[in-house]
């Protein structure tokens, strides 16, 4: 008499899945529904997999957000650390402009991650906020170093508050990334791509006049061609 065939498992066939696909799906679901409105089931549906596969890799949706942070933030910090090295002798105006280009490369076209990050800064758990703060602080220290070096080199005003100055430089660029693409065309009829570039340039020129030791000195002619 033949032995009965083993029962097939109803669970996932494998516990191996591309975590990049899972995190991409999580980011899309988070950006559409917020962390509070998201669920592991919805993320699995977006990723096209069984929820059990997600739980094999991540304990919770909060763990998925922390993994998104680890994927997104360190590459940004590495670029800023290179830019802020004391051995960098580029003009201070150029280095400050390059800060904006680095943020654009990592965040400019990723509105989903920006939305999730903003939501967690405002309403995340204490542990999540602590993780965000550690990543932001690593990047911010580079911005502060460039400002301090600019003061020491006589390019920036000696009375500047380094941290406040760095905050406003980056914060306004992030606002441009968020607000200009979503609304400016309705008001100005300027195509979004042109509007973002114009807004970035206008903000930087205004910012520079406020922080420069010699604001009447013109900015480098090719500054805004740097990407």
N, C-alpha and C. Protein backbone atom coordinates (compact mmCIF):
# COMPACT_ATOMS: atom_id res chain seq x y z
N UNK A 1 0.86 -1.20 0.00
CA UNK A 1 0.00 0.00 0.00
C UNK A 1 0.89 1.24 0.00
N UNK A 2 0.53 2.13 -0.91
CA UNK A 2 1.33 3.34 -1.03
C UNK A 2 1.11 4.26 0.18
N UNK A 3 2.21 4.91 0.58
CA UNK A 3 2.08 5.90 1.65
C UNK A 3 1.39 7.13 1.08
N UNK A 4 0.55 7.79 1.88
CA UNK A 4 -0.12 8.99 1.37
C UNK A 4 0.89 10.08 1.02
N UNK A 5 0.61 10.81 -0.05
CA UNK A 5 1.50 11.90 -0.48
C UNK A 5 1.53 12.98 0.59
N UNK A 6 2.69 13.55 0.83
CA UNK A 6 2.76 14.62 1.84
C UNK A 6 1.90 15.80 1.46
N UNK A 7 1.29 16.38 2.46
CA UNK A 7 0.43 17.55 2.21
C UNK A 7 1.27 18.74 1.81
N UNK A 8 0.78 19.46 0.85
CA UNK A 8 1.49 20.66 0.40
C UNK A 8 1.24 21.80 1.39
N UNK A 9 2.28 22.52 1.66
CA UNK A 9 2.14 23.66 2.56
C UNK A 9 1.34 24.77 1.88
N UNK A 10 0.51 25.41 2.66
CA UNK A 10 -0.24 26.54 2.12
C UNK A 10 0.52 27.85 2.29
N UNK A 11 1.64 27.79 2.95
CA UNK A 11 2.42 29.00 3.15
C UNK A 11 3.26 29.31 1.93
N UNK A 12 4.10 30.32 2.01
CA UNK A 12 4.94 30.69 0.88
C UNK A 12 5.90 29.57 0.54
N UNK A 13 6.20 29.44 -0.75
CA UNK A 13 7.08 28.37 -1.20
C UNK A 13 8.52 28.60 -0.75
N UNK A 14 8.89 29.82 -0.58
CA UNK A 14 10.26 30.13 -0.19
C UNK A 14 10.28 31.31 0.75
N UNK A 15 11.30 31.36 1.56
CA UNK A 15 11.45 32.51 2.45
C UNK A 15 12.41 33.54 1.87
N UNK A 16 12.82 33.32 0.63
CA UNK A 16 13.71 34.26 -0.03
C UNK A 16 12.90 35.21 -0.90
N UNK A 17 13.12 36.49 -0.70
CA UNK A 17 12.44 37.49 -1.50
C UNK A 17 13.34 38.70 -1.57
N UNK A 18 13.25 39.43 -2.64
CA UNK A 18 14.07 40.62 -2.84
C UNK A 18 13.62 41.70 -1.87
N UNK A 19 14.44 42.02 -0.87
CA UNK A 19 14.03 43.03 0.12
C UNK A 19 13.91 44.41 -0.51
N UNK A 20 14.64 44.65 -1.59
CA UNK A 20 14.48 45.93 -2.28
C UNK A 20 13.05 46.10 -2.77
N UNK A 21 12.49 45.02 -3.30
CA UNK A 21 11.11 45.07 -3.77
C UNK A 21 10.16 45.32 -2.61
N UNK A 22 10.41 44.69 -1.48
CA UNK A 22 9.56 44.90 -0.32
C UNK A 22 9.62 46.34 0.17
N UNK A 23 10.82 46.90 0.23
CA UNK A 23 10.97 48.28 0.71
C UNK A 23 10.39 49.28 -0.28
N UNK A 24 10.55 49.02 -1.57
CA UNK A 24 9.93 49.89 -2.56
C UNK A 24 8.42 49.89 -2.40
N UNK A 25 7.86 48.71 -2.18
CA UNK A 25 6.41 48.61 -1.97
C UNK A 25 6.00 49.33 -0.70
N UNK A 26 6.78 49.15 0.37
CA UNK A 26 6.46 49.83 1.63
C UNK A 26 6.48 51.34 1.46
N UNK A 27 7.46 51.84 0.75
CA UNK A 27 7.54 53.29 0.56
C UNK A 27 6.32 53.81 -0.19
N UNK A 28 5.88 53.08 -1.20
CA UNK A 28 4.69 53.52 -1.94
C UNK A 28 3.45 53.51 -1.06
N UNK A 29 3.29 52.46 -0.27
CA UNK A 29 2.12 52.36 0.60
C UNK A 29 2.18 53.42 1.70
N UNK A 30 3.36 53.61 2.28
CA UNK A 30 3.51 54.63 3.33
C UNK A 30 3.18 56.02 2.79
N UNK A 31 3.67 56.32 1.59
CA UNK A 31 3.48 57.67 1.04
C UNK A 31 2.01 57.92 0.70
N UNK A 32 1.30 56.87 0.34
CA UNK A 32 -0.12 57.04 -0.02
C UNK A 32 -1.03 57.07 1.21
N UNK A 33 -0.69 56.28 2.23
CA UNK A 33 -1.60 56.10 3.37
C UNK A 33 -1.05 56.59 4.70
N UNK A 34 0.24 56.99 4.72
CA UNK A 34 0.88 57.30 5.99
C UNK A 34 1.21 56.02 6.73
N UNK A 35 2.09 56.12 7.69
CA UNK A 35 2.44 54.93 8.47
C UNK A 35 1.23 54.39 9.23
N UNK A 36 0.40 55.29 9.75
CA UNK A 36 -0.75 54.87 10.52
C UNK A 36 -1.77 54.11 9.69
N UNK A 37 -1.93 54.51 8.44
CA UNK A 37 -2.93 53.87 7.58
C UNK A 37 -2.40 52.69 6.80
N UNK A 38 -1.10 52.44 6.88
CA UNK A 38 -0.50 51.33 6.15
C UNK A 38 -0.62 50.03 6.94
N UNK A 39 -0.52 48.92 6.24
CA UNK A 39 -0.55 47.61 6.90
C UNK A 39 0.40 46.67 6.17
N UNK A 40 0.85 45.66 6.87
CA UNK A 40 1.72 44.67 6.25
C UNK A 40 1.00 43.98 5.10
N UNK A 41 -0.29 43.74 5.26
CA UNK A 41 -1.06 43.10 4.20
C UNK A 41 -1.08 43.97 2.94
N UNK A 42 -1.26 45.29 3.12
CA UNK A 42 -1.28 46.18 1.97
C UNK A 42 0.09 46.23 1.30
N UNK A 43 1.15 46.22 2.10
CA UNK A 43 2.50 46.23 1.54
C UNK A 43 2.76 44.94 0.76
N UNK A 44 2.31 43.80 1.32
CA UNK A 44 2.48 42.52 0.62
C UNK A 44 1.72 42.54 -0.69
N UNK A 45 0.52 43.08 -0.68
CA UNK A 45 -0.27 43.16 -1.91
C UNK A 45 0.45 44.02 -2.95
N UNK A 46 1.02 45.13 -2.51
CA UNK A 46 1.76 46.00 -3.42
C UNK A 46 3.00 45.30 -3.97
N UNK A 47 3.66 44.50 -3.12
CA UNK A 47 4.87 43.80 -3.54
C UNK A 47 4.58 42.53 -4.31
N UNK A 48 3.31 42.06 -4.26
CA UNK A 48 2.95 40.84 -4.95
C UNK A 48 3.46 39.59 -4.27
N UNK A 49 3.39 39.58 -2.93
CA UNK A 49 3.90 38.42 -2.20
C UNK A 49 2.99 38.12 -1.01
N UNK A 50 3.27 37.01 -0.34
CA UNK A 50 2.53 36.63 0.85
C UNK A 50 3.01 37.48 2.03
N UNK A 51 2.11 37.94 2.91
CA UNK A 51 2.54 38.71 4.08
C UNK A 51 3.59 37.98 4.93
N UNK A 52 3.54 36.65 4.93
CA UNK A 52 4.52 35.89 5.72
C UNK A 52 5.94 36.16 5.27
N UNK A 53 6.11 36.43 3.99
CA UNK A 53 7.45 36.73 3.49
C UNK A 53 7.98 38.03 4.09
N UNK A 54 7.10 38.99 4.28
CA UNK A 54 7.53 40.25 4.88
C UNK A 54 7.92 40.03 6.33
N UNK A 55 7.11 39.27 7.06
CA UNK A 55 7.41 39.03 8.47
C UNK A 55 8.70 38.23 8.65
N UNK A 56 9.09 37.49 7.64
CA UNK A 56 10.36 36.76 7.73
C UNK A 56 11.54 37.73 7.76
N UNK A 57 11.39 38.87 7.06
CA UNK A 57 12.48 39.84 6.96
C UNK A 57 12.34 41.02 7.92
N UNK A 58 11.10 41.39 8.25
CA UNK A 58 10.86 42.58 9.07
C UNK A 58 9.82 42.26 10.14
N UNK A 59 10.10 42.72 11.36
CA UNK A 59 9.18 42.47 12.47
C UNK A 59 7.89 43.27 12.35
N UNK A 60 7.95 44.43 11.72
CA UNK A 60 6.81 45.33 11.71
C UNK A 60 6.97 46.35 10.58
N UNK A 61 5.93 47.13 10.38
CA UNK A 61 6.05 48.19 9.37
C UNK A 61 7.02 49.28 9.85
N UNK A 62 7.13 49.47 11.17
CA UNK A 62 8.12 50.42 11.70
C UNK A 62 9.54 49.96 11.35
N UNK A 63 9.77 48.65 11.42
CA UNK A 63 11.08 48.11 11.05
C UNK A 63 11.36 48.35 9.57
N UNK A 64 10.32 48.31 8.76
CA UNK A 64 10.49 48.58 7.33
C UNK A 64 10.85 50.04 7.11
N UNK A 65 10.23 50.93 7.87
CA UNK A 65 10.58 52.34 7.75
C UNK A 65 12.03 52.58 8.14
N UNK A 66 12.47 51.95 9.22
CA UNK A 66 13.86 52.11 9.66
C UNK A 66 14.82 51.57 8.59
N UNK A 67 14.43 50.50 7.91
CA UNK A 67 15.25 49.98 6.82
C UNK A 67 15.29 50.96 5.65
N UNK A 68 14.18 51.63 5.40
CA UNK A 68 14.17 52.67 4.37
C UNK A 68 15.13 53.80 4.73
N UNK A 69 15.14 54.18 6.00
CA UNK A 69 16.09 55.20 6.45
C UNK A 69 17.53 54.77 6.20
N UNK A 70 17.84 53.52 6.54
CA UNK A 70 19.20 53.01 6.37
C UNK A 70 19.59 52.93 4.90
N UNK A 71 18.62 52.74 4.06
CA UNK A 71 18.90 52.68 2.62
C UNK A 71 19.11 54.08 2.04
N UNK A 72 18.39 55.05 2.56
CA UNK A 72 18.36 56.37 1.94
C UNK A 72 19.38 57.35 2.52
N UNK A 73 19.55 57.36 3.83
CA UNK A 73 20.29 58.44 4.46
C UNK A 73 21.82 58.31 4.42
N UNK A 74 22.41 57.14 4.66
CA UNK A 74 23.88 57.08 4.66
C UNK A 74 24.55 57.53 3.36
N UNK A 75 24.03 57.19 2.17
CA UNK A 75 24.68 57.70 0.94
C UNK A 75 24.68 59.22 0.86
N UNK A 76 23.62 59.85 1.33
CA UNK A 76 23.56 61.32 1.40
C UNK A 76 24.67 61.84 2.29
N UNK A 77 24.81 61.24 3.49
CA UNK A 77 25.81 61.70 4.45
C UNK A 77 27.23 61.52 3.91
N UNK A 78 27.47 60.43 3.21
CA UNK A 78 28.82 60.20 2.66
C UNK A 78 29.21 61.31 1.69
N UNK A 79 28.29 61.70 0.83
CA UNK A 79 28.59 62.79 -0.11
C UNK A 79 28.85 64.09 0.62
N UNK A 80 28.04 64.37 1.64
CA UNK A 80 28.23 65.61 2.40
C UNK A 80 29.54 65.59 3.17
N UNK A 81 29.95 64.44 3.68
CA UNK A 81 31.22 64.34 4.41
C UNK A 81 32.40 64.64 3.49
N UNK A 82 32.33 64.18 2.27
CA UNK A 82 33.40 64.49 1.31
C UNK A 82 33.42 65.99 1.01
N UNK A 83 32.25 66.57 0.84
CA UNK A 83 32.17 68.00 0.52
C UNK A 83 32.67 68.86 1.67
N UNK A 84 32.44 68.42 2.91
CA UNK A 84 32.77 69.24 4.08
C UNK A 84 34.18 69.03 4.60
N UNK A 85 34.97 68.19 3.95
CA UNK A 85 36.33 67.95 4.41
C UNK A 85 37.11 69.26 4.47
N UNK A 86 37.87 69.51 5.56
CA UNK A 86 38.64 70.75 5.67
C UNK A 86 39.62 70.96 4.52
N UNK A 87 40.03 69.89 3.87
CA UNK A 87 40.97 70.01 2.75
C UNK A 87 40.31 70.53 1.49
N UNK A 88 38.98 70.62 1.48
CA UNK A 88 38.27 71.12 0.31
C UNK A 88 38.43 72.64 0.24
N UNK A 89 39.09 73.12 -0.80
CA UNK A 89 39.37 74.55 -0.93
C UNK A 89 38.45 75.25 -1.94
N UNK A 90 37.39 74.61 -2.34
CA UNK A 90 36.44 75.24 -3.26
C UNK A 90 35.82 76.47 -2.60
N UNK A 91 35.39 77.45 -3.39
CA UNK A 91 34.74 78.63 -2.82
C UNK A 91 33.54 78.25 -1.95
N UNK A 92 33.33 78.97 -0.88
CA UNK A 92 32.24 78.65 0.04
C UNK A 92 30.90 78.69 -0.65
N UNK A 93 30.68 79.65 -1.53
CA UNK A 93 29.40 79.73 -2.24
C UNK A 93 29.15 78.46 -3.04
N UNK A 94 30.18 77.97 -3.68
CA UNK A 94 30.04 76.74 -4.47
C UNK A 94 29.73 75.56 -3.58
N UNK A 95 30.39 75.46 -2.44
CA UNK A 95 30.14 74.33 -1.53
C UNK A 95 28.72 74.38 -0.97
N UNK A 96 28.23 75.57 -0.65
CA UNK A 96 26.86 75.68 -0.17
C UNK A 96 25.86 75.30 -1.26
N UNK A 97 26.14 75.71 -2.48
CA UNK A 97 25.26 75.33 -3.59
C UNK A 97 25.30 73.81 -3.81
N UNK A 98 26.48 73.23 -3.66
CA UNK A 98 26.60 71.78 -3.84
C UNK A 98 25.82 71.01 -2.77
N UNK A 99 25.67 71.60 -1.58
CA UNK A 99 24.81 70.97 -0.58
C UNK A 99 23.42 70.77 -1.16
N UNK A 100 22.91 71.82 -1.80
CA UNK A 100 21.56 71.71 -2.38
C UNK A 100 21.51 70.65 -3.46
N UNK A 101 22.58 70.50 -4.26
CA UNK A 101 22.59 69.51 -5.34
C UNK A 101 22.62 68.10 -4.78
N UNK A 102 23.31 67.92 -3.67
CA UNK A 102 23.35 66.60 -3.04
C UNK A 102 21.96 66.23 -2.52
N UNK A 103 21.30 67.16 -1.85
CA UNK A 103 19.96 66.88 -1.37
C UNK A 103 19.00 66.61 -2.53
N UNK A 104 19.18 67.34 -3.63
CA UNK A 104 18.32 67.11 -4.79
C UNK A 104 18.53 65.71 -5.35
N UNK A 105 19.77 65.27 -5.45
CA UNK A 105 20.03 63.94 -6.00
C UNK A 105 19.38 62.84 -5.16
N UNK A 106 19.36 63.04 -3.85
CA UNK A 106 18.86 61.98 -2.98
C UNK A 106 17.38 62.13 -2.63
N UNK A 107 16.83 63.34 -2.69
CA UNK A 107 15.45 63.56 -2.26
C UNK A 107 14.57 64.24 -3.29
N UNK A 108 15.18 64.94 -4.24
CA UNK A 108 14.41 65.82 -5.10
C UNK A 108 13.28 65.15 -5.86
N UNK A 109 13.54 63.97 -6.38
CA UNK A 109 12.54 63.29 -7.17
C UNK A 109 11.90 62.13 -6.40
N UNK A 110 12.05 62.13 -5.11
CA UNK A 110 11.52 61.04 -4.28
C UNK A 110 10.50 61.60 -3.29
N UNK A 111 9.40 62.09 -3.84
CA UNK A 111 8.40 62.73 -2.97
C UNK A 111 7.79 61.73 -2.00
N UNK A 112 7.74 60.45 -2.37
CA UNK A 112 7.18 59.45 -1.47
C UNK A 112 7.97 59.33 -0.19
N UNK A 113 9.29 59.25 -0.31
CA UNK A 113 10.12 59.15 0.90
C UNK A 113 10.04 60.43 1.71
N UNK A 114 10.03 61.58 1.06
CA UNK A 114 9.93 62.84 1.80
C UNK A 114 8.64 62.89 2.61
N UNK A 115 7.54 62.42 2.00
CA UNK A 115 6.26 62.45 2.70
C UNK A 115 6.28 61.53 3.92
N UNK A 116 6.85 60.35 3.76
CA UNK A 116 6.94 59.42 4.88
C UNK A 116 7.82 60.00 5.98
N UNK A 117 8.96 60.55 5.59
CA UNK A 117 9.89 61.10 6.58
C UNK A 117 9.25 62.25 7.35
N UNK A 118 8.59 63.13 6.64
CA UNK A 118 7.93 64.26 7.31
C UNK A 118 6.87 63.76 8.30
N UNK A 119 6.10 62.77 7.88
CA UNK A 119 5.07 62.24 8.76
C UNK A 119 5.65 61.63 10.02
N UNK A 120 6.78 60.94 9.90
CA UNK A 120 7.38 60.30 11.07
C UNK A 120 8.09 61.31 11.98
N UNK A 121 8.63 62.37 11.40
CA UNK A 121 9.20 63.43 12.23
C UNK A 121 8.12 64.05 13.11
N UNK A 122 6.94 64.22 12.54
CA UNK A 122 5.85 64.87 13.27
C UNK A 122 5.11 63.91 14.19
N UNK A 123 4.92 62.67 13.75
CA UNK A 123 4.05 61.80 14.52
C UNK A 123 4.56 60.39 14.77
N UNK A 124 5.84 60.15 14.56
CA UNK A 124 6.37 58.81 14.77
C UNK A 124 6.58 58.49 16.24
N UNK A 125 6.94 57.25 16.51
CA UNK A 125 7.26 56.84 17.87
C UNK A 125 8.58 57.48 18.30
N UNK A 126 8.84 57.44 19.59
CA UNK A 126 10.08 58.03 20.09
C UNK A 126 11.30 57.32 19.50
N UNK A 127 11.23 55.99 19.39
CA UNK A 127 12.34 55.26 18.81
C UNK A 127 12.58 55.63 17.36
N UNK A 128 11.50 55.79 16.60
CA UNK A 128 11.62 56.19 15.20
C UNK A 128 12.19 57.60 15.09
N UNK A 129 11.70 58.51 15.94
CA UNK A 129 12.22 59.88 15.92
C UNK A 129 13.70 59.92 16.28
N UNK A 130 14.12 59.08 17.22
CA UNK A 130 15.53 59.03 17.59
C UNK A 130 16.38 58.57 16.40
N UNK A 131 15.89 57.57 15.66
CA UNK A 131 16.63 57.07 14.50
C UNK A 131 16.73 58.15 13.43
N UNK A 132 15.63 58.85 13.18
CA UNK A 132 15.65 59.94 12.20
C UNK A 132 16.64 61.02 12.63
N UNK A 133 16.61 61.36 13.91
CA UNK A 133 17.49 62.42 14.42
C UNK A 133 18.96 62.05 14.22
N UNK A 134 19.31 60.79 14.45
CA UNK A 134 20.71 60.37 14.27
C UNK A 134 21.15 60.55 12.82
N UNK A 135 20.30 60.18 11.91
CA UNK A 135 20.66 60.32 10.49
C UNK A 135 20.74 61.79 10.07
N UNK A 136 19.76 62.56 10.52
CA UNK A 136 19.76 63.98 10.15
C UNK A 136 20.96 64.69 10.77
N UNK A 137 21.29 64.33 12.00
CA UNK A 137 22.42 64.99 12.66
C UNK A 137 23.73 64.71 11.92
N UNK A 138 23.90 63.49 11.44
CA UNK A 138 25.13 63.17 10.70
C UNK A 138 25.26 64.07 9.47
N UNK A 139 24.16 64.25 8.74
CA UNK A 139 24.19 65.13 7.57
C UNK A 139 24.35 66.59 7.98
N UNK A 140 23.64 66.99 9.02
CA UNK A 140 23.68 68.39 9.44
C UNK A 140 25.07 68.81 9.89
N UNK A 141 25.80 67.92 10.55
CA UNK A 141 27.15 68.26 11.00
C UNK A 141 28.05 68.65 9.84
N UNK A 142 27.82 68.04 8.69
CA UNK A 142 28.61 68.39 7.50
C UNK A 142 28.25 69.80 7.03
N UNK A 143 26.98 70.11 7.02
CA UNK A 143 26.55 71.46 6.63
C UNK A 143 27.12 72.50 7.58
N UNK A 144 27.10 72.19 8.88
CA UNK A 144 27.64 73.13 9.87
C UNK A 144 29.14 73.32 9.66
N UNK A 145 29.83 72.24 9.33
CA UNK A 145 31.28 72.34 9.13
C UNK A 145 31.60 73.27 7.96
N UNK A 146 30.83 73.16 6.88
CA UNK A 146 31.07 74.03 5.72
C UNK A 146 30.83 75.48 6.09
N UNK A 147 29.79 75.74 6.89
CA UNK A 147 29.50 77.11 7.31
C UNK A 147 30.62 77.63 8.22
N UNK A 148 31.04 76.82 9.19
CA UNK A 148 32.13 77.23 10.09
C UNK A 148 33.41 77.52 9.29
N UNK A 149 33.72 76.68 8.34
CA UNK A 149 34.91 76.89 7.52
C UNK A 149 34.78 78.16 6.69
N UNK A 150 33.55 78.45 6.21
CA UNK A 150 33.33 79.67 5.46
C UNK A 150 33.54 80.92 6.31
N UNK A 151 33.15 80.83 7.58
CA UNK A 151 33.38 81.95 8.51
C UNK A 151 34.88 82.12 8.73
N UNK A 152 35.57 81.01 8.98
CA UNK A 152 37.01 81.07 9.22
C UNK A 152 37.77 81.62 8.02
N UNK A 153 37.29 81.35 6.83
CA UNK A 153 37.96 81.81 5.61
C UNK A 153 37.57 83.23 5.22
N UNK A 154 36.67 83.83 5.98
CA UNK A 154 36.27 85.20 5.71
C UNK A 154 35.23 85.35 4.62
N UNK A 155 34.61 84.23 4.21
CA UNK A 155 33.59 84.30 3.15
C UNK A 155 32.20 84.56 3.72
N UNK A 156 31.98 84.17 4.97
CA UNK A 156 30.67 84.32 5.59
C UNK A 156 30.76 85.25 6.80
N UNK A 157 29.64 85.84 7.15
CA UNK A 157 29.58 86.75 8.29
C UNK A 157 30.02 86.05 9.57
N UNK A 158 30.77 86.75 10.38
CA UNK A 158 31.29 86.16 11.61
C UNK A 158 30.24 86.01 12.69
N UNK A 159 29.09 86.69 12.54
CA UNK A 159 28.05 86.64 13.58
C UNK A 159 26.98 85.60 13.28
N UNK A 160 27.20 84.77 12.30
CA UNK A 160 26.19 83.77 11.95
C UNK A 160 26.05 82.72 13.04
N UNK A 161 24.84 82.27 13.25
CA UNK A 161 24.59 81.10 14.10
C UNK A 161 24.64 79.90 13.16
N UNK A 162 25.66 79.09 13.32
CA UNK A 162 25.93 78.02 12.36
C UNK A 162 24.74 77.10 12.16
N UNK A 163 24.13 76.64 13.25
CA UNK A 163 23.08 75.64 13.13
C UNK A 163 21.80 76.22 12.54
N UNK A 164 21.47 77.44 12.92
CA UNK A 164 20.28 78.08 12.36
C UNK A 164 20.50 78.33 10.86
N UNK A 165 21.69 78.76 10.50
CA UNK A 165 21.99 79.02 9.10
C UNK A 165 21.88 77.74 8.27
N UNK A 166 22.44 76.65 8.78
CA UNK A 166 22.35 75.38 8.07
C UNK A 166 20.92 74.89 7.96
N UNK A 167 20.14 75.11 9.00
CA UNK A 167 18.74 74.67 8.99
C UNK A 167 17.97 75.38 7.88
N UNK A 168 18.11 76.70 7.80
CA UNK A 168 17.33 77.44 6.82
C UNK A 168 17.78 77.16 5.39
N UNK A 169 19.06 76.92 5.20
CA UNK A 169 19.53 76.58 3.86
C UNK A 169 18.84 75.32 3.35
N UNK A 170 18.89 74.25 4.14
CA UNK A 170 18.34 72.97 3.70
C UNK A 170 16.82 72.97 3.75
N UNK A 171 16.25 73.55 4.79
CA UNK A 171 14.79 73.50 4.97
C UNK A 171 14.07 74.15 3.80
N UNK A 172 14.57 75.28 3.33
CA UNK A 172 13.90 75.96 2.23
C UNK A 172 14.05 75.20 0.92
N UNK A 173 15.18 74.55 0.72
CA UNK A 173 15.31 73.73 -0.48
C UNK A 173 14.31 72.57 -0.43
N UNK A 174 14.13 71.97 0.73
CA UNK A 174 13.18 70.87 0.84
C UNK A 174 11.75 71.36 0.59
N UNK A 175 11.44 72.59 1.03
CA UNK A 175 10.12 73.15 0.76
C UNK A 175 9.92 73.37 -0.73
N UNK A 176 10.98 73.80 -1.41
CA UNK A 176 10.90 73.99 -2.86
C UNK A 176 10.62 72.66 -3.53
N UNK A 177 11.29 71.60 -3.11
CA UNK A 177 11.06 70.27 -3.70
C UNK A 177 9.60 69.85 -3.54
N UNK A 178 9.00 70.19 -2.39
CA UNK A 178 7.64 69.74 -2.10
C UNK A 178 6.58 70.63 -2.73
N UNK A 179 6.72 71.94 -2.57
CA UNK A 179 5.63 72.85 -2.94
C UNK A 179 5.63 73.25 -4.40
N UNK A 180 6.81 73.50 -4.96
CA UNK A 180 6.85 74.01 -6.34
C UNK A 180 6.27 73.01 -7.33
N UNK A 181 6.69 71.74 -7.33
CA UNK A 181 6.13 70.81 -8.31
C UNK A 181 4.62 70.61 -8.18
N UNK A 182 4.11 70.67 -6.96
CA UNK A 182 2.70 70.34 -6.75
C UNK A 182 1.76 71.52 -6.98
N UNK A 183 2.26 72.76 -6.98
CA UNK A 183 1.31 73.86 -7.00
C UNK A 183 1.70 75.04 -7.89
N UNK A 184 2.99 75.24 -8.16
CA UNK A 184 3.38 76.50 -8.79
C UNK A 184 2.82 76.67 -10.20
N UNK A 185 2.68 75.56 -10.93
CA UNK A 185 2.19 75.68 -12.31
C UNK A 185 0.76 76.22 -12.35
N UNK A 186 -0.02 75.92 -11.30
CA UNK A 186 -1.39 76.44 -11.23
C UNK A 186 -1.40 77.96 -11.09
N UNK A 187 -0.34 78.50 -10.47
CA UNK A 187 -0.31 79.94 -10.19
C UNK A 187 0.41 80.71 -11.29
N UNK A 188 1.54 80.19 -11.74
CA UNK A 188 2.40 80.95 -12.65
C UNK A 188 2.35 80.49 -14.10
N UNK A 189 1.78 79.31 -14.36
CA UNK A 189 1.79 78.70 -15.69
C UNK A 189 3.21 78.44 -16.22
N UNK A 190 4.20 78.47 -15.32
CA UNK A 190 5.57 78.11 -15.68
C UNK A 190 5.71 76.60 -15.56
N UNK A 191 6.27 75.92 -16.57
CA UNK A 191 6.46 74.47 -16.47
C UNK A 191 7.22 74.09 -15.21
N UNK A 192 6.86 72.96 -14.62
CA UNK A 192 7.41 72.57 -13.33
C UNK A 192 8.93 72.54 -13.32
N UNK A 193 9.53 71.92 -14.34
CA UNK A 193 10.99 71.82 -14.38
C UNK A 193 11.66 73.18 -14.32
N UNK A 194 11.15 74.12 -15.09
CA UNK A 194 11.71 75.48 -15.09
C UNK A 194 11.45 76.17 -13.76
N UNK A 195 10.27 75.95 -13.21
CA UNK A 195 9.91 76.63 -11.97
C UNK A 195 10.79 76.19 -10.81
N UNK A 196 11.09 74.90 -10.72
CA UNK A 196 11.94 74.40 -9.64
C UNK A 196 13.33 75.03 -9.75
N UNK A 197 13.89 75.04 -10.95
CA UNK A 197 15.23 75.62 -11.15
C UNK A 197 15.25 77.10 -10.79
N UNK A 198 14.23 77.83 -11.21
CA UNK A 198 14.16 79.27 -10.91
C UNK A 198 14.01 79.51 -9.41
N UNK A 199 13.18 78.70 -8.77
CA UNK A 199 12.96 78.87 -7.33
C UNK A 199 14.24 78.56 -6.55
N UNK A 200 14.94 77.51 -6.93
CA UNK A 200 16.18 77.16 -6.24
C UNK A 200 17.21 78.28 -6.38
N UNK A 201 17.34 78.80 -7.58
CA UNK A 201 18.32 79.87 -7.81
C UNK A 201 17.95 81.13 -7.04
N UNK A 202 16.67 81.51 -7.10
CA UNK A 202 16.23 82.72 -6.40
C UNK A 202 16.46 82.60 -4.90
N UNK A 203 16.14 81.42 -4.33
CA UNK A 203 16.34 81.23 -2.90
C UNK A 203 17.82 81.30 -2.55
N UNK A 204 18.67 80.67 -3.34
CA UNK A 204 20.09 80.66 -2.99
C UNK A 204 20.68 82.07 -3.09
N UNK A 205 20.29 82.84 -4.09
CA UNK A 205 20.80 84.21 -4.21
C UNK A 205 20.38 85.04 -3.00
N UNK A 206 19.12 84.87 -2.56
CA UNK A 206 18.64 85.59 -1.38
C UNK A 206 19.40 85.14 -0.13
N UNK A 207 19.55 83.83 0.02
CA UNK A 207 20.27 83.27 1.16
C UNK A 207 21.71 83.80 1.19
N UNK A 208 22.39 83.77 0.06
CA UNK A 208 23.79 84.19 0.01
C UNK A 208 23.94 85.65 0.40
N UNK A 209 23.04 86.51 -0.06
CA UNK A 209 23.13 87.93 0.31
C UNK A 209 22.99 88.12 1.81
N UNK A 210 22.28 87.22 2.48
CA UNK A 210 22.10 87.34 3.91
C UNK A 210 23.25 86.80 4.73
N UNK A 211 24.03 85.87 4.18
CA UNK A 211 25.08 85.22 4.99
C UNK A 211 26.49 85.62 4.56
N UNK A 212 26.64 86.18 3.38
CA UNK A 212 27.98 86.47 2.86
C UNK A 212 28.63 87.62 3.61
N UNK A 213 29.93 87.52 3.82
CA UNK A 213 30.69 88.63 4.43
C UNK A 213 30.73 89.82 3.49
N UNK A 214 30.70 89.55 2.18
CA UNK A 214 30.71 90.62 1.17
C UNK A 214 29.58 90.35 0.18
N UNK A 215 28.34 90.66 0.56
CA UNK A 215 27.19 90.30 -0.26
C UNK A 215 27.15 90.96 -1.63
N UNK A 216 27.85 92.07 -1.80
CA UNK A 216 27.84 92.74 -3.11
C UNK A 216 28.76 92.05 -4.11
N UNK A 217 29.62 91.19 -3.61
CA UNK A 217 30.52 90.46 -4.50
C UNK A 217 29.71 89.42 -5.27
N UNK A 218 29.80 89.42 -6.60
CA UNK A 218 28.96 88.51 -7.38
C UNK A 218 29.32 87.05 -7.15
N UNK A 219 28.32 86.22 -7.28
CA UNK A 219 28.53 84.78 -7.21
C UNK A 219 29.30 84.31 -8.45
N UNK A 220 30.01 83.20 -8.37
CA UNK A 220 30.71 82.67 -9.54
C UNK A 220 29.75 82.53 -10.72
N UNK A 221 30.20 82.93 -11.88
CA UNK A 221 29.33 82.98 -13.06
C UNK A 221 28.75 81.62 -13.41
N UNK A 222 29.49 80.57 -13.19
CA UNK A 222 29.03 79.23 -13.59
C UNK A 222 28.45 78.45 -12.42
N UNK A 223 28.14 79.12 -11.32
CA UNK A 223 27.71 78.43 -10.10
C UNK A 223 26.48 77.55 -10.37
N UNK A 224 25.47 78.12 -11.04
CA UNK A 224 24.21 77.42 -11.18
C UNK A 224 24.22 76.36 -12.28
N UNK A 225 25.36 76.21 -12.93
CA UNK A 225 25.48 75.12 -13.90
C UNK A 225 25.95 73.84 -13.24
N UNK A 226 26.35 73.94 -11.96
CA UNK A 226 26.84 72.77 -11.22
C UNK A 226 25.64 71.92 -10.82
N UNK A 227 25.67 70.66 -11.17
CA UNK A 227 24.58 69.73 -10.84
C UNK A 227 25.08 68.63 -9.92
